[in-house]
Amino acid sequence: MRAPDTTAEAGFTLIELLVVIVILGVLSAIVVFSVRGINDKGQGSACKTDKATIQTAEEAYFASGNRGQYGTMAQLVEGGFLSSASVWYDANPSGASYEITPKAAAPGAPANPCTSAG
């Protein structure tokens, strides 16, 4: 009778380790590509919320007895309708109407994420 060979089953083979590494690489690639768009969706929601807040502030400013006029961003902040001026949008009143437009990025500054948001 021969003694059992204990060294043959002491660890993993190189092929087994490489297969595990490849499987982990594939799984991590799947996770990275599936999570990549989450930040973009969140930024789009933040832009839409900021624009809706300005629209609500404009309507409240108009309804609060300001001679049927909409306000500029500074007037909305001074009147307490906004807590601070938007860094992404400008409010452009023209009498009894207004327009909310995305601000252009300053030279050397990052691009405005809301230029393509609805």
PDB file of N, CA and C in Angstrom:
ATOM      1  N   MET A   1       0.820  -1.168   0.000  1.00  0.00           N
ATOM      2  CA  MET A   1       0.000   0.000   0.000  1.00  0.00           C
ATOM      3  C   MET A   1       0.876   1.248   0.000  1.00  0.00           C
ATOM      4  N   ARG A   2       0.393   2.219  -0.768  1.00  0.00           N
ATOM      5  CA  ARG A   2       1.133   3.489  -0.833  1.00  0.00           C
ATOM      6  C   ARG A   2       0.520   4.505   0.117  1.00  0.00           C
ATOM      7  N   ALA A   3       1.348   5.380   0.579  1.00  0.00           N
ATOM      8  CA  ALA A   3       0.865   6.467   1.439  1.00  0.00           C
ATOM      9  C   ALA A   3       0.145   7.500   0.582  1.00  0.00           C
ATOM     10  N   PRO A   4      -0.967   8.059   1.055  1.00  0.00           N
ATOM     11  CA  PRO A   4      -1.687   9.068   0.262  1.00  0.00           C
ATOM     12  C   PRO A   4      -0.807  10.299   0.019  1.00  0.00           C
ATOM     13  N   ASP A   5      -0.922  10.841  -1.186  1.00  0.00           N
ATOM     14  CA  ASP A   5      -0.132  12.018  -1.569  1.00  0.00           C
ATOM     15  C   ASP A   5      -0.891  13.280  -1.150  1.00  0.00           C
ATOM     16  N   THR A   6      -0.480  13.904  -0.086  1.00  0.00           N
ATOM     17  CA  THR A   6      -1.190  15.084   0.448  1.00  0.00           C
ATOM     18  C   THR A   6      -0.806  16.355  -0.260  1.00  0.00           C
ATOM     19  N   THR A   7       0.309  16.402  -0.955  1.00  0.00           N
ATOM     20  CA  THR A   7       0.732  17.639  -1.614  1.00  0.00           C
ATOM     21  C   THR A   7      -0.077  17.920  -2.872  1.00  0.00           C
ATOM     22  N   ALA A   8      -0.688  16.944  -3.483  1.00  0.00           N
ATOM     23  CA  ALA A   8      -1.450  17.158  -4.714  1.00  0.00           C
ATOM     24  C   ALA A   8      -2.730  17.930  -4.456  1.00  0.00           C
ATOM     25  N   GLU A   9      -3.277  17.893  -3.287  1.00  0.00           N
ATOM     26  CA  GLU A   9      -4.529  18.585  -2.999  1.00  0.00           C
ATOM     27  C   GLU A   9      -4.339  19.718  -1.998  1.00  0.00           C
ATOM     28  N   ALA A  10      -3.173  20.291  -1.963  1.00  0.00           N
ATOM     29  CA  ALA A  10      -2.879  21.329  -0.979  1.00  0.00           C
ATOM     30  C   ALA A  10      -3.430  22.693  -1.378  1.00  0.00           C
ATOM     31  N   GLY A  11      -3.743  22.956  -2.632  1.00  0.00           N
ATOM     32  CA  GLY A  11      -4.216  24.282  -3.035  1.00  0.00           C
ATOM     33  C   GLY A  11      -4.895  24.230  -4.386  1.00  0.00           C
ATOM     34  N   PHE A  12      -5.120  25.435  -4.948  1.00  0.00           N
ATOM     35  CA  PHE A  12      -5.762  25.542  -6.245  1.00  0.00           C
ATOM     36  C   PHE A  12      -4.711  25.510  -7.341  1.00  0.00           C
ATOM     37  N   THR A  13      -5.118  25.062  -8.509  1.00  0.00           N
ATOM     38  CA  THR A  13      -4.199  25.096  -9.648  1.00  0.00           C
ATOM     39  C   THR A  13      -4.224  26.487 -10.262  1.00  0.00           C
ATOM     40  N   LEU A  14      -3.259  26.766 -11.073  1.00  0.00           N
ATOM     41  CA  LEU A  14      -3.173  28.062 -11.736  1.00  0.00           C
ATOM     42  C   LEU A  14      -4.385  28.300 -12.630  1.00  0.00           C
ATOM     43  N   ILE A  15      -4.840  27.294 -13.307  1.00  0.00           N
ATOM     44  CA  ILE A  15      -6.009  27.417 -14.189  1.00  0.00           C
ATOM     45  C   ILE A  15      -7.249  27.784 -13.374  1.00  0.00           C
ATOM     46  N   GLU A  16      -7.455  27.157 -12.254  1.00  0.00           N
ATOM     47  CA  GLU A  16      -8.619  27.473 -11.411  1.00  0.00           C
ATOM     48  C   GLU A  16      -8.573  28.929 -10.944  1.00  0.00           C
ATOM     49  N   LEU A  17      -7.408  29.386 -10.539  1.00  0.00           N
ATOM     50  CA  LEU A  17      -7.278  30.787 -10.108  1.00  0.00           C
ATOM     51  C   LEU A  17      -7.534  31.754 -11.253  1.00  0.00           C
ATOM     52  N   LEU A  18      -7.040  31.443 -12.429  1.00  0.00           N
ATOM     53  CA  LEU A  18      -7.281  32.314 -13.589  1.00  0.00           C
ATOM     54  C   LEU A  18      -8.757  32.352 -13.960  1.00  0.00           C
ATOM     55  N   VAL A  19      -9.447  31.229 -13.881  1.00  0.00           N
ATOM     56  CA  VAL A  19     -10.883  31.197 -14.185  1.00  0.00           C
ATOM     57  C   VAL A  19     -11.649  32.076 -13.200  1.00  0.00           C
ATOM     58  N   VAL A  20     -11.309  32.013 -11.927  1.00  0.00           N
ATOM     59  CA  VAL A  20     -11.986  32.843 -10.918  1.00  0.00           C
ATOM     60  C   VAL A  20     -11.717  34.320 -11.179  1.00  0.00           C
ATOM     61  N   ILE A  21     -10.489  34.665 -11.528  1.00  0.00           N
ATOM     62  CA  ILE A  21     -10.155  36.063 -11.806  1.00  0.00           C
ATOM     63  C   ILE A  21     -10.926  36.568 -13.030  1.00  0.00           C
ATOM     64  N   VAL A  22     -11.049  35.761 -14.058  1.00  0.00           N
ATOM     65  CA  VAL A  22     -11.797  36.151 -15.258  1.00  0.00           C
ATOM     66  C   VAL A  22     -13.275  36.341 -14.923  1.00  0.00           C
ATOM     67  N   ILE A  23     -13.840  35.458 -14.150  1.00  0.00           N
ATOM     68  CA  ILE A  23     -15.256  35.578 -13.767  1.00  0.00           C
ATOM     69  C   ILE A  23     -15.474  36.855 -12.964  1.00  0.00           C
ATOM     70  N   LEU A  24     -14.594  37.151 -12.014  1.00  0.00           N
ATOM     71  CA  LEU A  24     -14.723  38.385 -11.234  1.00  0.00           C
ATOM     72  C   LEU A  24     -14.580  39.624 -12.114  1.00  0.00           C
ATOM     73  N   GLY A  25     -13.691  39.560 -13.102  1.00  0.00           N
ATOM     74  CA  GLY A  25     -13.535  40.685 -14.034  1.00  0.00           C
ATOM     75  C   GLY A  25     -14.786  40.929 -14.850  1.00  0.00           C
ATOM     76  N   VAL A  26     -15.399  39.865 -15.340  1.00  0.00           N
ATOM     77  CA  VAL A  26     -16.632  40.001 -16.119  1.00  0.00           C
ATOM     78  C   VAL A  26     -17.755  40.570 -15.246  1.00  0.00           C
ATOM     79  N   LEU A  27     -17.898  40.070 -14.030  1.00  0.00           N
ATOM     80  CA  LEU A  27     -18.946  40.581 -13.134  1.00  0.00           C
ATOM     81  C   LEU A  27     -18.733  42.049 -12.783  1.00  0.00           C
ATOM     82  N   SER A  28     -17.487  42.443 -12.538  1.00  0.00           N
ATOM     83  CA  SER A  28     -17.231  43.845 -12.213  1.00  0.00           C
ATOM     84  C   SER A  28     -17.497  44.745 -13.414  1.00  0.00           C
ATOM     85  N   ALA A  29     -17.207  44.294 -14.622  1.00  0.00           N
ATOM     86  CA  ALA A  29     -17.500  45.081 -15.821  1.00  0.00           C
ATOM     87  C   ALA A  29     -19.005  45.269 -15.982  1.00  0.00           C
ATOM     88  N   ILE A  30     -19.764  44.231 -15.714  1.00  0.00           N
ATOM     89  CA  ILE A  30     -21.229  44.342 -15.806  1.00  0.00           C
ATOM     90  C   ILE A  30     -21.750  45.368 -14.804  1.00  0.00           C
ATOM     91  N   VAL A  31     -21.235  45.342 -13.581  1.00  0.00           N
ATOM     92  CA  VAL A  31     -21.686  46.286 -12.556  1.00  0.00           C
ATOM     93  C   VAL A  31     -21.323  47.714 -12.943  1.00  0.00           C
ATOM     94  N   VAL A  32     -20.112  47.923 -13.433  1.00  0.00           N
ATOM     95  CA  VAL A  32     -19.677  49.277 -13.799  1.00  0.00           C
ATOM     96  C   VAL A  32     -20.560  49.843 -14.903  1.00  0.00           C
ATOM     97  N   PHE A  33     -20.855  49.072 -15.918  1.00  0.00           N
ATOM     98  CA  PHE A  33     -21.671  49.578 -17.015  1.00  0.00           C
ATOM     99  C   PHE A  33     -23.134  49.766 -16.621  1.00  0.00           C
ATOM    100  N   SER A  34     -23.641  48.990 -15.696  1.00  0.00           N
ATOM    101  CA  SER A  34     -25.039  49.158 -15.291  1.00  0.00           C
ATOM    102  C   SER A  34     -25.216  50.337 -14.348  1.00  0.00           C
ATOM    103  N   VAL A  35     -24.195  50.721 -13.605  1.00  0.00           N
ATOM    104  CA  VAL A  35     -24.294  51.818 -12.639  1.00  0.00           C
ATOM    105  C   VAL A  35     -23.878  53.153 -13.257  1.00  0.00           C
ATOM    106  N   ARG A  36     -23.245  53.120 -14.406  1.00  0.00           N
ATOM    107  CA  ARG A  36     -22.676  54.327 -15.004  1.00  0.00           C
ATOM    108  C   ARG A  36     -23.713  55.425 -15.261  1.00  0.00           C
ATOM    109  N   GLY A  37     -24.914  55.120 -15.661  1.00  0.00           N
ATOM    110  CA  GLY A  37     -25.906  56.130 -15.996  1.00  0.00           C
ATOM    111  C   GLY A  37     -26.676  56.687 -14.821  1.00  0.00           C
ATOM    112  N   ILE A  38     -26.463  56.180 -13.628  1.00  0.00           N
ATOM    113  CA  ILE A  38     -27.236  56.637 -12.477  1.00  0.00           C
ATOM    114  C   ILE A  38     -26.959  58.099 -12.174  1.00  0.00           C
ATOM    115  N   ASN A  39     -25.720  58.525 -12.235  1.00  0.00           N
ATOM    116  CA  ASN A  39     -25.374  59.908 -11.949  1.00  0.00           C
ATOM    117  C   ASN A  39     -26.019  60.854 -12.954  1.00  0.00           C
ATOM    118  N   ASP A  40     -26.050  60.484 -14.234  1.00  0.00           N
ATOM    119  CA  ASP A  40     -26.666  61.316 -15.258  1.00  0.00           C
ATOM    120  C   ASP A  40     -28.156  61.502 -15.000  1.00  0.00           C
ATOM    121  N   LYS A  41     -28.831  60.455 -14.587  1.00  0.00           N
ATOM    122  CA  LYS A  41     -30.261  60.553 -14.299  1.00  0.00           C
ATOM    123  C   LYS A  41     -30.509  61.450 -13.094  1.00  0.00           C
ATOM    124  N   GLY A  42     -29.669  61.350 -12.095  1.00  0.00           N
ATOM    125  CA  GLY A  42     -29.807  62.205 -10.914  1.00  0.00           C
ATOM    126  C   GLY A  42     -29.580  63.659 -11.246  1.00  0.00           C
ATOM    127  N   GLN A  43     -28.604  63.945 -12.104  1.00  0.00           N
ATOM    128  CA  GLN A  43     -28.333  65.328 -12.497  1.00  0.00           C
ATOM    129  C   GLN A  43     -29.509  65.886 -13.292  1.00  0.00           C
ATOM    130  N   GLY A  44     -30.089  65.080 -14.161  1.00  0.00           N
ATOM    131  CA  GLY A  44     -31.260  65.537 -14.920  1.00  0.00           C
ATOM    132  C   GLY A  44     -32.431  65.855 -14.014  1.00  0.00           C
ATOM    133  N   SER A  45     -32.635  65.043 -12.993  1.00  0.00           N
ATOM    134  CA  SER A  45     -33.713  65.308 -12.034  1.00  0.00           C
ATOM    135  C   SER A  45     -33.448  66.577 -11.246  1.00  0.00           C
ATOM    136  N   ALA A  46     -32.190  66.820 -10.883  1.00  0.00           N
ATOM    137  CA  ALA A  46     -31.846  68.040 -10.155  1.00  0.00           C
ATOM    138  C   ALA A  46     -32.105  69.271 -11.017  1.00  0.00           C
ATOM    139  N   CYS A  47     -31.816  69.196 -12.303  1.00  0.00           N
ATOM    140  CA  CYS A  47     -32.069  70.322 -13.207  1.00  0.00           C
ATOM    141  C   CYS A  47     -33.566  70.599 -13.333  1.00  0.00           C
ATOM    142  N   LYS A  48     -34.348  69.546 -13.494  1.00  0.00           N
ATOM    143  CA  LYS A  48     -35.797  69.724 -13.615  1.00  0.00           C
ATOM    144  C   LYS A  48     -36.401  70.298 -12.334  1.00  0.00           C
ATOM    145  N   THR A  49     -35.903  69.851 -11.187  1.00  0.00           N
ATOM    146  CA  THR A  49     -36.397  70.353  -9.911  1.00  0.00           C
ATOM    147  C   THR A  49     -36.041  71.822  -9.736  1.00  0.00           C
ATOM    148  N   ASP A  50     -34.819  72.202 -10.104  1.00  0.00           N
ATOM    149  CA  ASP A  50     -34.393  73.597  -9.994  1.00  0.00           C
ATOM    150  C   ASP A  50     -35.259  74.497 -10.876  1.00  0.00           C
ATOM    151  N   LYS A  51     -35.532  74.049 -12.087  1.00  0.00           N
ATOM    152  CA  LYS A  51     -36.363  74.834 -13.002  1.00  0.00           C
ATOM    153  C   LYS A  51     -37.797  74.959 -12.481  1.00  0.00           C
ATOM    154  N   ALA A  52     -38.343  73.868 -11.952  1.00  0.00           N
ATOM    155  CA  ALA A  52     -39.704  73.904 -11.408  1.00  0.00           C
ATOM    156  C   ALA A  52     -39.781  74.820 -10.190  1.00  0.00           C
ATOM    157  N   THR A  53     -38.736  74.851  -9.378  1.00  0.00           N
ATOM    158  CA  THR A  53     -38.712  75.738  -8.216  1.00  0.00           C
ATOM    159  C   THR A  53     -38.730  77.194  -8.653  1.00  0.00           C
ATOM    160  N   ILE A  54     -37.966  77.525  -9.687  1.00  0.00           N
ATOM    161  CA  ILE A  54     -37.959  78.901 -10.199  1.00  0.00           C
ATOM    162  C   ILE A  54     -39.316  79.260 -10.778  1.00  0.00           C
ATOM    163  N   GLN A  55     -39.948  78.333 -11.488  1.00  0.00           N
ATOM    164  CA  GLN A  55     -41.277  78.600 -12.043  1.00  0.00           C
ATOM    165  C   GLN A  55     -42.288  78.875 -10.932  1.00  0.00           C
ATOM    166  N   THR A  56     -42.237  78.098  -9.875  1.00  0.00           N
ATOM    167  CA  THR A  56     -43.142  78.307  -8.743  1.00  0.00           C
ATOM    168  C   THR A  56     -42.867  79.655  -8.085  1.00  0.00           C
ATOM    169  N   ALA A  57     -41.611  80.004  -7.932  1.00  0.00           N
ATOM    170  CA  ALA A  57     -41.252  81.296  -7.339  1.00  0.00           C
ATOM    171  C   ALA A  57     -41.737  82.456  -8.212  1.00  0.00           C
ATOM    172  N   GLU A  58     -41.618  82.311  -9.523  1.00  0.00           N
ATOM    173  CA  GLU A  58     -42.108  83.349 -10.442  1.00  0.00           C
ATOM    174  C   GLU A  58     -43.622  83.540 -10.295  1.00  0.00           C
ATOM    175  N   GLU A  59     -44.355  82.442 -10.236  1.00  0.00           N
ATOM    176  CA  GLU A  59     -45.807  82.541 -10.102  1.00  0.00           C
ATOM    177  C   GLU A  59     -46.198  83.162  -8.750  1.00  0.00           C
ATOM    178  N   ALA A  60     -45.481  82.784  -7.693  1.00  0.00           N
ATOM    179  CA  ALA A  60     -45.762  83.370  -6.375  1.00  0.00           C
ATOM    180  C   ALA A  60     -45.430  84.859  -6.361  1.00  0.00           C
ATOM    181  N   TYR A  61     -44.338  85.243  -6.997  1.00  0.00           N
ATOM    182  CA  TYR A  61     -43.956  86.664  -7.083  1.00  0.00           C
ATOM    183  C   TYR A  61     -45.026  87.443  -7.838  1.00  0.00           C
ATOM    184  N   PHE A  62     -45.500  86.884  -8.957  1.00  0.00           N
ATOM    185  CA  PHE A  62     -46.530  87.535  -9.769  1.00  0.00           C
ATOM    186  C   PHE A  62     -47.821  87.704  -8.970  1.00  0.00           C
ATOM    187  N   ALA A  63     -48.187  86.650  -8.219  1.00  0.00           N
ATOM    188  CA  ALA A  63     -49.458  86.665  -7.485  1.00  0.00           C
ATOM    189  C   ALA A  63     -49.397  87.501  -6.210  1.00  0.00           C
ATOM    190  N   SER A  64     -48.211  87.872  -5.772  1.00  0.00           N
ATOM    191  CA  SER A  64     -48.105  88.590  -4.504  1.00  0.00           C
ATOM    192  C   SER A  64     -48.281  90.095  -4.640  1.00  0.00           C
ATOM    193  N   GLY A  65     -48.771  90.554  -5.752  1.00  0.00           N
ATOM    194  CA  GLY A  65     -49.084  91.969  -5.894  1.00  0.00           C
ATOM    195  C   GLY A  65     -47.926  92.807  -6.384  1.00  0.00           C
ATOM    196  N   ASN A  66     -47.171  92.309  -7.313  1.00  0.00           N
ATOM    197  CA  ASN A  66     -46.062  93.076  -7.877  1.00  0.00           C
ATOM    198  C   ASN A  66     -46.447  93.696  -9.213  1.00  0.00           C
ATOM    199  N   ARG A  67     -47.588  94.343  -9.226  1.00  0.00           N
ATOM    200  CA  ARG A  67     -48.096  95.071 -10.391  1.00  0.00           C
ATOM    201  C   ARG A  67     -48.168  94.211 -11.654  1.00  0.00           C
ATOM    202  N   GLY A  68     -48.508  92.943 -11.494  1.00  0.00           N
ATOM    203  CA  GLY A  68     -48.651  92.060 -12.648  1.00  0.00           C
ATOM    204  C   GLY A  68     -47.354  91.824 -13.391  1.00  0.00           C
ATOM    205  N   GLN A  69     -46.244  91.875 -12.685  1.00  0.00           N
ATOM    206  CA  GLN A  69     -44.932  91.686 -13.300  1.00  0.00           C
ATOM    207  C   GLN A  69     -44.258  90.448 -12.709  1.00  0.00           C
ATOM    208  N   TYR A  70     -43.465  89.795 -13.523  1.00  0.00           N
ATOM    209  CA  TYR A  70     -42.618  88.717 -13.028  1.00  0.00           C
ATOM    210  C   TYR A  70     -41.288  89.315 -12.614  1.00  0.00           C
ATOM    211  N   GLY A  71     -40.553  88.577 -11.788  1.00  0.00           N
ATOM    212  CA  GLY A  71     -39.324  89.125 -11.233  1.00  0.00           C
ATOM    213  C   GLY A  71     -38.066  88.517 -11.807  1.00  0.00           C
ATOM    214  N   THR A  72     -36.981  89.256 -11.632  1.00  0.00           N
ATOM    215  CA  THR A  72     -35.663  88.736 -11.985  1.00  0.00           C
ATOM    216  C   THR A  72     -35.212  87.779 -10.883  1.00  0.00           C
ATOM    217  N   MET A  73     -34.119  87.108 -11.102  1.00  0.00           N
ATOM    218  CA  MET A  73     -33.606  86.176 -10.099  1.00  0.00           C
ATOM    219  C   MET A  73     -33.299  86.923  -8.796  1.00  0.00           C
ATOM    220  N   ALA A  74     -32.707  88.115  -8.912  1.00  0.00           N
ATOM    221  CA  ALA A  74     -32.384  88.900  -7.711  1.00  0.00           C
ATOM    222  C   ALA A  74     -33.651  89.310  -6.965  1.00  0.00           C
ATOM    223  N   GLN A  75     -34.698  89.697  -7.679  1.00  0.00           N
ATOM    224  CA  GLN A  75     -35.958  90.079  -7.025  1.00  0.00           C
ATOM    225  C   GLN A  75     -36.616  88.881  -6.343  1.00  0.00           C
ATOM    226  N   LEU A  76     -36.504  87.711  -6.939  1.00  0.00           N
ATOM    227  CA  LEU A  76     -37.085  86.516  -6.327  1.00  0.00           C
ATOM    228  C   LEU A  76     -36.372  86.174  -5.016  1.00  0.00           C
ATOM    229  N   VAL A  77     -35.049  86.349  -4.993  1.00  0.00           N
ATOM    230  CA  VAL A  77     -34.291  86.075  -3.778  1.00  0.00           C
ATOM    231  C   VAL A  77     -34.571  87.143  -2.727  1.00  0.00           C
ATOM    232  N   GLU A  78     -34.553  88.428  -3.121  1.00  0.00           N
ATOM    233  CA  GLU A  78     -34.808  89.528  -2.183  1.00  0.00           C
ATOM    234  C   GLU A  78     -36.212  89.451  -1.596  1.00  0.00           C
ATOM    235  N   GLY A  79     -37.177  89.020  -2.388  1.00  0.00           N
ATOM    236  CA  GLY A  79     -38.552  88.916  -1.914  1.00  0.00           C
ATOM    237  C   GLY A  79     -38.818  87.673  -1.075  1.00  0.00           C
ATOM    238  N   GLY A  80     -37.843  86.788  -0.948  1.00  0.00           N
ATOM    239  CA  GLY A  80     -38.010  85.591  -0.150  1.00  0.00           C
ATOM    240  C   GLY A  80     -38.691  84.449  -0.886  1.00  0.00           C
ATOM    241  N   PHE A  81     -38.805  84.547  -2.204  1.00  0.00           N
ATOM    242  CA  PHE A  81     -39.450  83.491  -2.976  1.00  0.00           C
ATOM    243  C   PHE A  81     -38.474  82.361  -3.313  1.00  0.00           C
ATOM    244  N   LEU A  82     -37.181  82.673  -3.298  1.00  0.00           N
ATOM    245  CA  LEU A  82     -36.120  81.680  -3.463  1.00  0.00           C
ATOM    246  C   LEU A  82     -35.123  81.877  -2.332  1.00  0.00           C
ATOM    247  N   SER A  83     -34.547  80.791  -1.839  1.00  0.00           N
ATOM    248  CA  SER A  83     -33.548  80.926  -0.774  1.00  0.00           C
ATOM    249  C   SER A  83     -32.216  81.414  -1.320  1.00  0.00           C
ATOM    250  N   SER A  84     -31.907  81.082  -2.569  1.00  0.00           N
ATOM    251  CA  SER A  84     -30.685  81.570  -3.208  1.00  0.00           C
ATOM    252  C   SER A  84     -30.884  81.538  -4.716  1.00  0.00           C
ATOM    253  N   ALA A  85     -30.063  82.307  -5.410  1.00  0.00           N
ATOM    254  CA  ALA A  85     -30.158  82.350  -6.870  1.00  0.00           C
ATOM    255  C   ALA A  85     -29.676  81.030  -7.456  1.00  0.00           C
ATOM    256  N   SER A  86     -30.285  80.628  -8.526  1.00  0.00           N
ATOM    257  CA  SER A  86     -29.901  79.388  -9.198  1.00  0.00           C
ATOM    258  C   SER A  86     -28.548  79.561  -9.873  1.00  0.00           C
ATOM    259  N   VAL A  87     -27.716  78.548  -9.775  1.00  0.00           N
ATOM    260  CA  VAL A  87     -26.433  78.576 -10.473  1.00  0.00           C
ATOM    261  C   VAL A  87     -26.563  78.013 -11.879  1.00  0.00           C
ATOM    262  N   TRP A  88     -27.702  77.405 -12.189  1.00  0.00           N
ATOM    263  CA  TRP A  88     -27.879  76.773 -13.489  1.00  0.00           C
ATOM    264  C   TRP A  88     -28.818  77.526 -14.424  1.00  0.00           C
ATOM    265  N   TYR A  89     -29.741  78.320 -13.879  1.00  0.00           N
ATOM    266  CA  TYR A  89     -30.757  78.972 -14.707  1.00  0.00           C
ATOM    267  C   TYR A  89     -30.819  80.473 -14.444  1.00  0.00           C
ATOM    268  N   ASP A  90     -31.272  81.213 -15.462  1.00  0.00           N
ATOM    269  CA  ASP A  90     -31.581  82.634 -15.347  1.00  0.00           C
ATOM    270  C   ASP A  90     -33.076  82.808 -15.540  1.00  0.00           C
ATOM    271  N   ALA A  91     -33.668  83.731 -14.778  1.00  0.00           N
ATOM    272  CA  ALA A  91     -35.072  84.088 -14.968  1.00  0.00           C
ATOM    273  C   ALA A  91     -35.097  85.393 -15.764  1.00  0.00           C
ATOM    274  N   ASN A  92     -35.779  85.366 -16.895  1.00  0.00           N
ATOM    275  CA  ASN A  92     -35.835  86.526 -17.785  1.00  0.00           C
ATOM    276  C   ASN A  92     -37.272  87.017 -17.906  1.00  0.00           C
ATOM    277  N   PRO A  93     -37.688  87.945 -17.031  1.00  0.00           N
ATOM    278  CA  PRO A  93     -39.052  88.457 -17.117  1.00  0.00           C
ATOM    279  C   PRO A  93     -39.170  89.487 -18.233  1.00  0.00           C
ATOM    280  N   SER A  94     -40.339  89.507 -18.842  1.00  0.00           N
ATOM    281  CA  SER A  94     -40.648  90.560 -19.819  1.00  0.00           C
ATOM    282  C   SER A  94     -42.117  90.921 -19.648  1.00  0.00           C
ATOM    283  N   GLY A  95     -42.375  91.800 -18.687  1.00  0.00           N
ATOM    284  CA  GLY A  95     -43.739  92.234 -18.428  1.00  0.00           C
ATOM    285  C   GLY A  95     -44.572  91.138 -17.811  1.00  0.00           C
ATOM    286  N   ALA A  96     -45.621  90.736 -18.516  1.00  0.00           N
ATOM    287  CA  ALA A  96     -46.547  89.744 -17.988  1.00  0.00           C
ATOM    288  C   ALA A  96     -46.169  88.325 -18.410  1.00  0.00           C
ATOM    289  N   SER A  97     -44.929  88.090 -18.762  1.00  0.00           N
ATOM    290  CA  SER A  97     -44.463  86.746 -19.080  1.00  0.00           C
ATOM    291  C   SER A  97     -43.003  86.618 -18.618  1.00  0.00           C
ATOM    292  N   TYR A  98     -42.512  85.412 -18.642  1.00  0.00           N
ATOM    293  CA  TYR A  98     -41.115  85.176 -18.253  1.00  0.00           C
ATOM    294  C   TYR A  98     -40.595  83.967 -19.003  1.00  0.00           C
ATOM    295  N   GLU A  99     -39.280  83.859 -19.024  1.00  0.00           N
ATOM    296  CA  GLU A  99     -38.617  82.720 -19.639  1.00  0.00           C
ATOM    297  C   GLU A  99     -37.479  82.285 -18.716  1.00  0.00           C
ATOM    298  N   ILE A 100     -37.330  80.991 -18.545  1.00  0.00           N
ATOM    299  CA  ILE A 100     -36.252  80.454 -17.734  1.00  0.00           C
ATOM    300  C   ILE A 100     -35.275  79.761 -18.682  1.00  0.00           C
ATOM    301  N   THR A 101     -34.050  80.289 -18.738  1.00  0.00           N
ATOM    302  CA  THR A 101     -33.056  79.767 -19.671  1.00  0.00           C
ATOM    303  C   THR A 101     -31.829  79.270 -18.918  1.00  0.00           C
ATOM    304  N   PRO A 102     -31.182  78.217 -19.427  1.00  0.00           N
ATOM    305  CA  PRO A 102     -29.943  77.741 -18.794  1.00  0.00           C
ATOM    306  C   PRO A 102     -28.837  78.780 -18.934  1.00  0.00           C
ATOM    307  N   LYS A 103     -28.056  78.952 -17.876  1.00  0.00           N
ATOM    308  CA  LYS A 103     -26.928  79.881 -17.920  1.00  0.00           C
ATOM    309  C   LYS A 103     -25.808  79.281 -18.760  1.00  0.00           C
ATOM    310  N   ALA A 104     -25.096  80.143 -19.457  1.00  0.00           N
ATOM    311  CA  ALA A 104     -23.915  79.695 -20.197  1.00  0.00           C
ATOM    312  C   ALA A 104     -22.773  79.505 -19.211  1.00  0.00           C
ATOM    313  N   ALA A 105     -21.958  78.518 -19.457  1.00  0.00           N
ATOM    314  CA  ALA A 105     -20.815  78.253 -18.581  1.00  0.00           C
ATOM    315  C   ALA A 105     -19.767  79.343 -18.766  1.00  0.00           C
ATOM    316  N   ALA A 106     -19.169  79.766 -17.666  1.00  0.00           N
ATOM    317  CA  ALA A 106     -18.102  80.753 -17.722  1.00  0.00           C
ATOM    318  C   ALA A 106     -16.861  80.115 -18.354  1.00  0.00           C
ATOM    319  N   PRO A 107     -16.017  80.919 -18.964  1.00  0.00           N
ATOM    320  CA  PRO A 107     -14.791  80.344 -19.564  1.00  0.00           C
ATOM    321  C   PRO A 107     -13.946  79.654 -18.490  1.00  0.00           C
ATOM    322  N   GLY A 108     -13.530  78.445 -18.776  1.00  0.00           N
ATOM    323  CA  GLY A 108     -12.725  77.667 -17.846  1.00  0.00           C
ATOM    324  C   GLY A 108     -13.527  76.923 -16.808  1.00  0.00           C
ATOM    325  N   ALA A 109     -14.833  77.183 -16.705  1.00  0.00           N
ATOM    326  CA  ALA A 109     -15.693  76.498 -15.735  1.00  0.00           C
ATOM    327  C   ALA A 109     -16.270  75.242 -16.376  1.00  0.00           C
ATOM    328  N   PRO A 110     -16.713  74.296 -15.550  1.00  0.00           N
ATOM    329  CA  PRO A 110     -17.355  73.112 -16.134  1.00  0.00           C
ATOM    330  C   PRO A 110     -18.651  73.481 -16.861  1.00  0.00           C
ATOM    331  N   ALA A 111     -19.022  72.690 -17.826  1.00  0.00           N
ATOM    332  CA  ALA A 111     -20.229  72.953 -18.607  1.00  0.00           C
ATOM    333  C   ALA A 111     -21.465  72.868 -17.714  1.00  0.00           C
ATOM    334  N   ASN A 112     -22.478  73.648 -18.070  1.00  0.00           N
ATOM    335  CA  ASN A 112     -23.742  73.629 -17.347  1.00  0.00           C
ATOM    336  C   ASN A 112     -24.446  72.314 -17.636  1.00  0.00           C
ATOM    337  N   PRO A 113     -24.738  71.505 -16.610  1.00  0.00           N
ATOM    338  CA  PRO A 113     -25.376  70.208 -16.859  1.00  0.00           C
ATOM    339  C   PRO A 113     -26.828  70.338 -17.296  1.00  0.00           C
ATOM    340  N   CYS A 114     -27.405  71.528 -17.164  1.00  0.00           N
ATOM    341  CA  CYS A 114     -28.825  71.704 -17.469  1.00  0.00           C
ATOM    342  C   CYS A 114     -29.074  72.266 -18.868  1.00  0.00           C
ATOM    343  N   THR A 115     -28.058  72.368 -19.693  1.00  0.00           N
ATOM    344  CA  THR A 115     -28.273  72.931 -21.027  1.00  0.00           C
ATOM    345  C   THR A 115     -29.139  72.042 -21.896  1.00  0.00           C
ATOM    346  N   SER A 116     -29.164  70.734 -21.620  1.00  0.00           N
ATOM    347  CA  SER A 116     -29.999  69.835 -22.427  1.00  0.00           C
ATOM    348  C   SER A 116     -31.187  69.292 -21.653  1.00  0.00           C
ATOM    349  N   ALA A 117     -31.335  69.675 -20.374  1.00  0.00           N
ATOM    350  CA  ALA A 117     -32.463  69.178 -19.559  1.00  0.00           C
ATOM    351  C   ALA A 117     -33.721  69.946 -19.918  1.00  0.00           C
ATOM    352  N   GLY A 118     -34.862  69.258 -19.747  1.00  0.00           N
ATOM    353  CA  GLY A 118     -36.150  69.855 -20.081  1.00  0.00           C
ATOM    354  C   GLY A 118     -36.646  70.781 -19.137  1.00  0.00           C
TER     355      GLY A 118
END
